Amino acid sequence: MTFHTAPPKHTPTDTLPTYRAKDLTEGGDLAQIVLEDQTYTLRVTRAGKLILTK
């Protein structure tokens, strides 16, 4: 019996666009990201975590 694994369904990380959070926030703690007609807020916390809210 032979088993085959399915190819990965994700894009390798070295081909994904990469952005620094501080570049998106222009050195601050907040940035707005627009996806179609929705605006999201990206916030960098004091602990260095990212929070994305609608």
PDB file of N, CA and C in Angstrom:
ATOM      1  N   MET A   1       0.833  -1.160   0.000  1.00  0.00           N
ATOM      2  CA  MET A   1       0.000   0.000   0.000  1.00  0.00           C
ATOM      3  C   MET A   1       0.894   1.244   0.000  1.00  0.00           C
ATOM      4  N   THR A   2       0.583   2.214  -0.849  1.00  0.00           N
ATOM      5  CA  THR A   2       1.375   3.433  -0.942  1.00  0.00           C
ATOM      6  C   THR A   2       0.535   4.629  -0.505  1.00  0.00           C
ATOM      7  N   PHE A   3       1.102   5.458   0.313  1.00  0.00           N
ATOM      8  CA  PHE A   3       0.423   6.678   0.754  1.00  0.00           C
ATOM      9  C   PHE A   3       1.139   7.883   0.159  1.00  0.00           C
ATOM     10  N   HIS A   4       0.365   8.824  -0.331  1.00  0.00           N
ATOM     11  CA  HIS A   4       0.924  10.053  -0.884  1.00  0.00           C
ATOM     12  C   HIS A   4       0.443  11.224  -0.040  1.00  0.00           C
ATOM     13  N   THR A   5       1.321  12.151   0.199  1.00  0.00           N
ATOM     14  CA  THR A   5       0.903  13.342   0.937  1.00  0.00           C
ATOM     15  C   THR A   5       0.488  14.418  -0.053  1.00  0.00           C
ATOM     16  N   ALA A   6      -0.529  15.146   0.313  1.00  0.00           N
ATOM     17  CA  ALA A   6      -1.006  16.242  -0.534  1.00  0.00           C
ATOM     18  C   ALA A   6       0.008  17.379  -0.479  1.00  0.00           C
ATOM     19  N   PRO A   7       0.128  18.117  -1.575  1.00  0.00           N
ATOM     20  CA  PRO A   7       1.048  19.259  -1.549  1.00  0.00           C
ATOM     21  C   PRO A   7       0.544  20.307  -0.559  1.00  0.00           C
ATOM     22  N   PRO A   8       1.445  21.098   0.008  1.00  0.00           N
ATOM     23  CA  PRO A   8       1.006  22.105   0.973  1.00  0.00           C
ATOM     24  C   PRO A   8       0.052  23.103   0.332  1.00  0.00           C
ATOM     25  N   LYS A   9      -0.949  23.526   1.098  1.00  0.00           N
ATOM     26  CA  LYS A   9      -1.953  24.439   0.570  1.00  0.00           C
ATOM     27  C   LYS A   9      -1.640  25.885   0.950  1.00  0.00           C
ATOM     28  N   HIS A  10      -0.449  26.149   1.417  1.00  0.00           N
ATOM     29  CA  HIS A  10      -0.072  27.508   1.800  1.00  0.00           C
ATOM     30  C   HIS A  10       1.109  27.969   0.956  1.00  0.00           C
ATOM     31  N   THR A  11       1.272  29.260   0.883  1.00  0.00           N
ATOM     32  CA  THR A  11       2.383  29.837   0.153  1.00  0.00           C
ATOM     33  C   THR A  11       3.599  29.860   1.065  1.00  0.00           C
ATOM     34  N   PRO A  12       4.741  29.457   0.568  1.00  0.00           N
ATOM     35  CA  PRO A  12       5.940  29.528   1.410  1.00  0.00           C
ATOM     36  C   PRO A  12       6.166  30.954   1.893  1.00  0.00           C
ATOM     37  N   THR A  13       6.587  31.086   3.147  1.00  0.00           N
ATOM     38  CA  THR A  13       6.706  32.418   3.744  1.00  0.00           C
ATOM     39  C   THR A  13       7.726  33.299   3.043  1.00  0.00           C
ATOM     40  N   ASP A  14       8.694  32.731   2.353  1.00  0.00           N
ATOM     41  CA  ASP A  14       9.687  33.572   1.688  1.00  0.00           C
ATOM     42  C   ASP A  14       9.131  34.248   0.435  1.00  0.00           C
ATOM     43  N   THR A  15       7.927  33.882  -0.007  1.00  0.00           N
ATOM     44  CA  THR A  15       7.347  34.526  -1.177  1.00  0.00           C
ATOM     45  C   THR A  15       6.196  35.468  -0.799  1.00  0.00           C
ATOM     46  N   LEU A  16       5.862  35.542   0.485  1.00  0.00           N
ATOM     47  CA  LEU A  16       4.785  36.419   0.930  1.00  0.00           C
ATOM     48  C   LEU A  16       5.298  37.843   1.127  1.00  0.00           C
ATOM     49  N   PRO A  17       4.458  38.847   0.852  1.00  0.00           N
ATOM     50  CA  PRO A  17       4.874  40.212   1.186  1.00  0.00           C
ATOM     51  C   PRO A  17       5.059  40.324   2.697  1.00  0.00           C
ATOM     52  N   THR A  18       6.112  41.000   3.119  1.00  0.00           N
ATOM     53  CA  THR A  18       6.412  41.140   4.537  1.00  0.00           C
ATOM     54  C   THR A  18       6.541  42.614   4.881  1.00  0.00           C
ATOM     55  N   TYR A  19       5.873  43.021   5.964  1.00  0.00           N
ATOM     56  CA  TYR A  19       5.890  44.412   6.392  1.00  0.00           C
ATOM     57  C   TYR A  19       6.224  44.469   7.873  1.00  0.00           C
ATOM     58  N   ARG A  20       7.001  45.440   8.274  1.00  0.00           N
ATOM     59  CA  ARG A  20       7.272  45.669   9.686  1.00  0.00           C
ATOM     60  C   ARG A  20       6.105  46.462  10.258  1.00  0.00           C
ATOM     61  N   ALA A  21       5.618  46.045  11.423  1.00  0.00           N
ATOM     62  CA  ALA A  21       4.481  46.717  12.046  1.00  0.00           C
ATOM     63  C   ALA A  21       4.786  48.193  12.262  1.00  0.00           C
ATOM     64  N   LYS A  22       6.000  48.523  12.668  1.00  0.00           N
ATOM     65  CA  LYS A  22       6.361  49.922  12.903  1.00  0.00           C
ATOM     66  C   LYS A  22       6.367  50.717  11.598  1.00  0.00           C
ATOM     67  N   ASP A  23       6.604  50.057  10.463  1.00  0.00           N
ATOM     68  CA  ASP A  23       6.499  50.745   9.175  1.00  0.00           C
ATOM     69  C   ASP A  23       5.033  51.035   8.852  1.00  0.00           C
ATOM     70  N   LEU A  24       4.156  50.066   9.137  1.00  0.00           N
ATOM     71  CA  LEU A  24       2.730  50.269   8.890  1.00  0.00           C
ATOM     72  C   LEU A  24       2.160  51.372   9.777  1.00  0.00           C
ATOM     73  N   THR A  25       2.646  51.459  11.009  1.00  0.00           N
ATOM     74  CA  THR A  25       2.139  52.459  11.948  1.00  0.00           C
ATOM     75  C   THR A  25       2.962  53.746  11.900  1.00  0.00           C
ATOM     76  N   GLU A  26       3.935  53.796  11.007  1.00  0.00           N
ATOM     77  CA  GLU A  26       4.842  54.951  10.871  1.00  0.00           C
ATOM     78  C   GLU A  26       5.475  55.315  12.205  1.00  0.00           C
ATOM     79  N   GLY A  27       5.886  54.287  12.952  1.00  0.00           N
ATOM     80  CA  GLY A  27       6.569  54.474  14.220  1.00  0.00           C
ATOM     81  C   GLY A  27       5.640  54.635  15.410  1.00  0.00           C
ATOM     82  N   GLY A  28       4.347  54.709  15.176  1.00  0.00           N
ATOM     83  CA  GLY A  28       3.382  54.855  16.264  1.00  0.00           C
ATOM     84  C   GLY A  28       2.846  53.509  16.698  1.00  0.00           C
ATOM     85  N   ASP A  29       1.621  53.529  17.224  1.00  0.00           N
ATOM     86  CA  ASP A  29       1.010  52.300  17.725  1.00  0.00           C
ATOM     87  C   ASP A  29      -0.239  51.885  16.955  1.00  0.00           C
ATOM     88  N   LEU A  30      -0.721  52.728  16.023  1.00  0.00           N
ATOM     89  CA  LEU A  30      -1.973  52.445  15.318  1.00  0.00           C
ATOM     90  C   LEU A  30      -1.811  52.623  13.811  1.00  0.00           C
ATOM     91  N   ALA A  31      -2.555  51.800  13.075  1.00  0.00           N
ATOM     92  CA  ALA A  31      -2.637  51.937  11.620  1.00  0.00           C
ATOM     93  C   ALA A  31      -4.016  51.476  11.193  1.00  0.00           C
ATOM     94  N   GLN A  32      -4.500  52.017  10.100  1.00  0.00           N
ATOM     95  CA  GLN A  32      -5.759  51.550   9.532  1.00  0.00           C
ATOM     96  C   GLN A  32      -5.445  50.739   8.288  1.00  0.00           C
ATOM     97  N   ILE A  33      -6.164  49.626   8.147  1.00  0.00           N
ATOM     98  CA  ILE A  33      -6.009  48.741   6.998  1.00  0.00           C
ATOM     99  C   ILE A  33      -7.380  48.610   6.351  1.00  0.00           C
ATOM    100  N   VAL A  34      -7.448  48.857   5.048  1.00  0.00           N
ATOM    101  CA  VAL A  34      -8.720  48.799   4.337  1.00  0.00           C
ATOM    102  C   VAL A  34      -8.748  47.546   3.468  1.00  0.00           C
ATOM    103  N   LEU A  35      -9.824  46.788   3.599  1.00  0.00           N
ATOM    104  CA  LEU A  35     -10.067  45.606   2.778  1.00  0.00           C
ATOM    105  C   LEU A  35     -11.443  45.775   2.164  1.00  0.00           C
ATOM    106  N   GLU A  36     -11.460  46.007   0.858  1.00  0.00           N
ATOM    107  CA  GLU A  36     -12.695  46.304   0.145  1.00  0.00           C
ATOM    108  C   GLU A  36     -13.394  47.487   0.810  1.00  0.00           C
ATOM    109  N   ASP A  37     -14.564  47.337   1.386  1.00  0.00           N
ATOM    110  CA  ASP A  37     -15.256  48.477   1.996  1.00  0.00           C
ATOM    111  C   ASP A  37     -15.171  48.470   3.518  1.00  0.00           C
ATOM    112  N   GLN A  38     -14.312  47.638   4.087  1.00  0.00           N
ATOM    113  CA  GLN A  38     -14.168  47.539   5.538  1.00  0.00           C
ATOM    114  C   GLN A  38     -12.833  48.145   5.980  1.00  0.00           C
ATOM    115  N   THR A  39     -12.852  48.902   7.073  1.00  0.00           N
ATOM    116  CA  THR A  39     -11.634  49.463   7.634  1.00  0.00           C
ATOM    117  C   THR A  39     -11.342  48.774   8.958  1.00  0.00           C
ATOM    118  N   TYR A  40     -10.112  48.321   9.115  1.00  0.00           N
ATOM    119  CA  TYR A  40      -9.659  47.642  10.316  1.00  0.00           C
ATOM    120  C   TYR A  40      -8.591  48.490  10.990  1.00  0.00           C
ATOM    121  N   THR A  41      -8.470  48.352  12.297  1.00  0.00           N
ATOM    122  CA  THR A  41      -7.435  49.055  13.045  1.00  0.00           C
ATOM    123  C   THR A  41      -6.417  48.045  13.554  1.00  0.00           C
ATOM    124  N   LEU A  42      -5.158  48.303  13.243  1.00  0.00           N
ATOM    125  CA  LEU A  42      -4.058  47.489  13.739  1.00  0.00           C
ATOM    126  C   LEU A  42      -3.426  48.253  14.896  1.00  0.00           C
ATOM    127  N   ARG A  43      -3.313  47.600  16.045  1.00  0.00           N
ATOM    128  CA  ARG A  43      -2.745  48.253  17.223  1.00  0.00           C
ATOM    129  C   ARG A  43      -1.587  47.425  17.743  1.00  0.00           C
ATOM    130  N   VAL A  44      -0.497  48.102  18.068  1.00  0.00           N
ATOM    131  CA  VAL A  44       0.647  47.462  18.704  1.00  0.00           C
ATOM    132  C   VAL A  44       0.521  47.744  20.197  1.00  0.00           C
ATOM    133  N   THR A  45       0.448  46.700  21.011  1.00  0.00           N
ATOM    134  CA  THR A  45       0.289  46.863  22.455  1.00  0.00           C
ATOM    135  C   THR A  45       1.638  47.176  23.116  1.00  0.00           C
ATOM    136  N   ARG A  46       1.576  47.596  24.371  1.00  0.00           N
ATOM    137  CA  ARG A  46       2.808  47.856  25.118  1.00  0.00           C
ATOM    138  C   ARG A  46       3.644  46.594  25.274  1.00  0.00           C
ATOM    139  N   ALA A  47       2.988  45.443  25.252  1.00  0.00           N
ATOM    140  CA  ALA A  47       3.690  44.158  25.375  1.00  0.00           C
ATOM    141  C   ALA A  47       4.269  43.691  24.031  1.00  0.00           C
ATOM    142  N   GLY A  48       4.069  44.478  22.971  1.00  0.00           N
ATOM    143  CA  GLY A  48       4.619  44.107  21.665  1.00  0.00           C
ATOM    144  C   GLY A  48       3.766  43.142  20.879  1.00  0.00           C
ATOM    145  N   LYS A  49       2.507  43.007  21.244  1.00  0.00           N
ATOM    146  CA  LYS A  49       1.576  42.133  20.536  1.00  0.00           C
ATOM    147  C   LYS A  49       0.792  42.965  19.534  1.00  0.00           C
ATOM    148  N   LEU A  50       0.218  42.303  18.532  1.00  0.00           N
ATOM    149  CA  LEU A  50      -0.610  42.970  17.544  1.00  0.00           C
ATOM    150  C   LEU A  50      -2.069  42.613  17.758  1.00  0.00           C
ATOM    151  N   ILE A  51      -2.940  43.615  17.642  1.00  0.00           N
ATOM    152  CA  ILE A  51      -4.377  43.397  17.727  1.00  0.00           C
ATOM    153  C   ILE A  51      -4.997  44.034  16.498  1.00  0.00           C
ATOM    154  N   LEU A  52      -5.795  43.262  15.778  1.00  0.00           N
ATOM    155  CA  LEU A  52      -6.505  43.751  14.587  1.00  0.00           C
ATOM    156  C   LEU A  52      -7.990  43.721  14.888  1.00  0.00           C
ATOM    157  N   THR A  53      -8.635  44.896  14.824  1.00  0.00           N
ATOM    158  CA  THR A  53     -10.067  44.979  15.109  1.00  0.00           C
ATOM    159  C   THR A  53     -10.783  45.647  13.955  1.00  0.00           C
ATOM    160  N   LYS A  54     -12.068  45.382  13.889  1.00  0.00           N
ATOM    161  CA  LYS A  54     -12.914  45.929  12.833  1.00  0.00           C
ATOM    162  C   LYS A  54     -13.473  47.244  13.272  1.00  0.00           C
TER     163      LYS A  54
END
